[in-house]
Amino acid sequence: MSDFKPGSDTVDVEAMIRVDHAGEYGATRIYAGQLAVLGNKGATAHEVARMAEQEKRHLERFNQLIAERGVRPTLLQPFWDVAGFTLGAATALMGPRAAMACTDAVETEIDKHYAEQLEQLGDADPELSADIARFREEELEHRDTAREHGSQDAMAYPLLTGVIRLGCRAAIAVAKRI
């Protein structure tokens, strides 16, 4: 799905901000769910807490952009709240590798999503492009961290990550509009 307005050659920056805000909010909720199960002990919990802090910064920036630019946030935020926390808790209950597989899957999709946005933005919005590029680098680092911590050794990794990635793509498509 494109962020271009129908009948226009311009990029729909509002939809980009709305979906990115929703995604960063969802990420904070996934990590909150994982930390609720994992607690604060062990290498996985330490990495999840570190990544959660970065996602919190991303969300704060998109909160600022929503306010400054008068963008309506997604109406589905209550759903993302519950769905994100549930996904995080469920994968953590499956074990540390499954929790990391969740991060692997989500960040793989977010990398693609942010790359598409950067291509669409071009030079149209340098401030937003700089934010997205910076956040994309951190999301890729999260994916790599997940892989270093055994995400690909999680039980049913291809199925687990495939389902999560499909859910991410659906969430991105819906959050642009609702």
Protein backbone atom coordinates (compact mmCIF):
# COMPACT_ATOMS: atom_id res chain seq x y z
CA MET A 1 0.00 0.00 0.00
CA SER A 2 1.28 3.41 -0.89
CA ASP A 3 1.35 6.59 1.16
CA PHE A 4 0.49 8.65 -1.92
CA LYS A 5 -2.81 10.51 -1.93
CA PRO A 6 -5.16 9.27 -4.66
CA GLY A 7 -5.07 11.51 -7.70
CA SER A 8 -1.97 13.31 -6.45
CA ASP A 9 1.77 13.10 -6.95
CA THR A 10 2.42 14.20 -3.37
CA VAL A 11 3.37 12.01 -0.48
CA ASP A 12 0.80 11.63 2.29
CA VAL A 13 3.07 12.69 5.15
CA GLU A 14 0.16 12.64 7.61
CA ALA A 15 -0.46 8.95 6.90
CA MET A 16 3.25 8.27 7.34
CA ILE A 17 3.34 9.99 10.71
CA ARG A 18 0.10 8.28 11.79
CA VAL A 19 1.30 4.78 10.91
CA ASP A 20 4.79 5.32 12.31
CA HIS A 21 3.33 6.67 15.55
CA ALA A 22 1.07 3.60 15.77
CA GLY A 23 3.99 1.28 15.05
CA GLU A 24 6.25 2.81 17.66
CA TYR A 25 3.42 2.69 20.17
CA GLY A 26 2.85 -0.98 19.33
CA ALA A 27 6.57 -1.68 19.76
CA THR A 28 6.56 -0.17 23.25
CA ARG A 29 3.60 -2.38 24.13
CA ILE A 30 5.29 -5.53 22.75
CA TYR A 31 8.34 -4.88 24.87
CA ALA A 32 6.17 -4.10 27.92
CA GLY A 33 4.49 -7.48 27.50
CA GLN A 34 7.82 -9.23 27.16
CA LEU A 35 9.27 -7.52 30.22
CA ALA A 36 6.16 -8.37 32.26
CA VAL A 37 6.98 -12.04 31.65
CA LEU A 38 10.78 -11.93 31.55
CA GLY A 39 11.23 -9.62 34.52
CA ASN A 40 14.54 -7.81 34.79
CA LYS A 41 17.01 -10.69 35.01
CA GLY A 42 19.03 -12.33 32.30
CA ALA A 43 20.56 -11.32 29.00
CA THR A 44 17.27 -11.36 27.08
CA ALA A 45 15.51 -9.13 29.61
CA HIS A 46 18.47 -6.73 29.59
CA GLU A 47 18.38 -6.44 25.79
CA VAL A 48 14.60 -6.10 25.69
CA ALA A 49 14.75 -3.30 28.26
CA ARG A 50 17.45 -1.51 26.26
CA MET A 51 15.48 -1.80 23.02
CA ALA A 52 12.30 -0.70 24.82
CA GLU A 53 14.02 2.53 25.85
CA GLN A 54 14.91 3.27 22.23
CA GLU A 55 11.35 2.56 21.12
CA LYS A 56 10.12 4.91 23.84
CA ARG A 57 12.29 7.68 22.35
CA HIS A 58 10.93 6.93 18.88
CA LEU A 59 7.38 7.15 20.22
CA GLU A 60 8.13 10.43 21.99
CA ARG A 61 9.37 11.89 18.71
CA PHE A 62 6.26 10.77 16.83
CA ASN A 63 4.09 12.14 19.66
CA GLN A 64 5.84 15.46 19.07
CA LEU A 65 5.29 15.29 15.29
CA ILE A 66 1.60 14.40 15.78
CA ALA A 67 1.16 17.48 17.98
CA GLU A 68 3.27 19.88 15.90
CA ARG A 69 1.71 18.91 12.58
CA GLY A 70 -1.85 18.35 13.74
CA VAL A 71 -1.95 14.74 12.60
CA ARG A 72 -4.79 12.59 13.84
CA PRO A 73 -3.44 9.47 15.55
CA THR A 74 -4.86 6.10 14.64
CA LEU A 75 -8.26 5.34 16.12
CA LEU A 76 -6.99 1.82 16.75
CA GLN A 77 -4.57 2.76 19.53
CA PRO A 78 -6.60 0.89 22.20
CA PHE A 79 -6.38 -2.22 20.02
CA TRP A 80 -2.61 -1.79 19.50
CA ASP A 81 -2.26 -1.42 23.27
CA VAL A 82 -3.81 -4.82 23.97
CA ALA A 83 -2.53 -6.59 20.85
CA GLY A 84 1.05 -5.41 21.32
CA PHE A 85 1.18 -6.34 25.01
CA THR A 86 -0.42 -9.72 24.30
CA LEU A 87 2.02 -10.50 21.48
CA GLY A 88 4.97 -9.55 23.66
CA ALA A 89 3.78 -11.56 26.66
CA ALA A 90 2.85 -14.59 24.54
CA THR A 91 6.21 -14.75 22.80
CA ALA A 92 8.07 -14.28 26.10
CA LEU A 93 6.01 -17.11 27.63
CA MET A 94 7.26 -19.30 24.79
CA GLY A 95 10.81 -18.50 25.91
CA PRO A 96 13.61 -15.99 25.38
CA ARG A 97 14.32 -17.15 21.83
CA ALA A 98 10.68 -16.74 20.84
CA ALA A 99 10.68 -13.25 22.36
CA MET A 100 13.70 -12.45 20.22
CA ALA A 101 12.03 -14.04 17.18
CA CYS A 102 9.17 -11.57 17.68
CA THR A 103 11.65 -8.69 17.60
CA ASP A 104 13.35 -10.21 14.55
CA ALA A 105 10.04 -10.44 12.67
CA VAL A 106 8.75 -7.00 13.62
CA GLU A 107 12.01 -5.23 12.85
CA THR A 108 12.38 -7.01 9.51
CA GLU A 109 9.02 -5.59 8.45
CA ILE A 110 9.74 -2.16 9.90
CA ASP A 111 13.01 -2.01 7.96
CA LYS A 112 11.11 -2.59 4.72
CA HIS A 113 8.41 -0.13 5.73
CA TYR A 114 10.86 2.63 6.64
CA ALA A 115 12.91 2.02 3.46
CA GLU A 116 9.74 2.46 1.36
CA GLN A 117 8.88 5.65 3.22
CA LEU A 118 12.35 7.10 2.71
CA GLU A 119 12.12 6.36 -1.01
CA GLN A 120 8.68 7.98 -1.24
CA LEU A 121 9.72 11.04 0.77
CA GLY A 122 12.82 11.78 -1.25
CA ASP A 123 13.60 15.44 -0.50
CA ALA A 124 9.99 16.37 0.30
CA ASP A 125 10.38 16.43 4.11
CA PRO A 126 14.02 16.44 5.29
CA GLU A 127 13.09 16.56 8.98
CA LEU A 128 10.85 13.48 8.78
CA SER A 129 13.34 11.69 6.53
CA ALA A 130 16.12 12.24 9.06
CA ASP A 131 13.97 10.85 11.89
CA ILE A 132 12.93 7.81 9.88
CA ALA A 133 16.51 7.12 8.74
CA ARG A 134 17.80 7.32 12.32
CA PHE A 135 15.02 5.11 13.67
CA ARG A 136 15.51 2.63 10.83
CA GLU A 137 19.16 2.19 11.85
CA GLU A 138 18.11 1.45 15.41
CA GLU A 139 15.39 -0.97 14.27
CA LEU A 140 17.98 -2.85 12.20
CA GLU A 141 20.23 -2.98 15.24
CA HIS A 142 17.30 -4.47 17.20
CA ARG A 143 16.81 -7.14 14.54
CA ASP A 144 20.52 -7.97 14.60
CA THR A 145 20.51 -8.11 18.40
CA ALA A 146 17.56 -10.51 18.29
CA ARG A 147 19.45 -12.76 15.90
CA GLU A 148 22.56 -12.63 18.07
CA HIS A 149 20.39 -13.79 20.98
CA GLY A 150 19.02 -16.85 19.22
CA SER A 151 15.86 -15.68 17.49
CA GLN A 152 16.45 -18.02 14.57
CA ASP A 153 16.72 -20.96 16.98
CA ALA A 154 13.21 -20.40 18.35
CA MET A 155 10.82 -23.29 18.01
CA ALA A 156 8.86 -23.01 14.74
CA TYR A 157 10.85 -19.88 13.82
CA PRO A 158 9.64 -19.72 10.17
CA LEU A 159 6.00 -20.09 11.18
CA LEU A 160 6.24 -17.76 14.18
CA THR A 161 8.02 -14.99 12.32
CA GLY A 162 5.86 -15.44 9.23
CA VAL A 163 2.67 -14.93 11.21
CA ILE A 164 4.09 -11.92 13.06
CA ARG A 165 5.36 -10.34 9.84
CA LEU A 166 1.95 -10.82 8.21
CA GLY A 167 0.33 -9.15 11.21
CA CYS A 168 2.76 -6.24 10.94
CA ARG A 169 1.97 -5.72 7.27
CA ALA A 170 -1.76 -5.75 8.03
CA ALA A 171 -1.32 -3.33 10.94
CA ILE A 172 0.67 -0.94 8.74
CA ALA A 173 -2.02 -0.97 6.04
CA VAL A 174 -4.85 -0.36 8.51
CA ALA A 175 -3.10 2.29 10.63
CA LYS A 176 -2.51 4.53 7.61
CA ARG A 177 -6.24 5.05 7.23
CA ILE A 178 -8.02 4.39 10.51
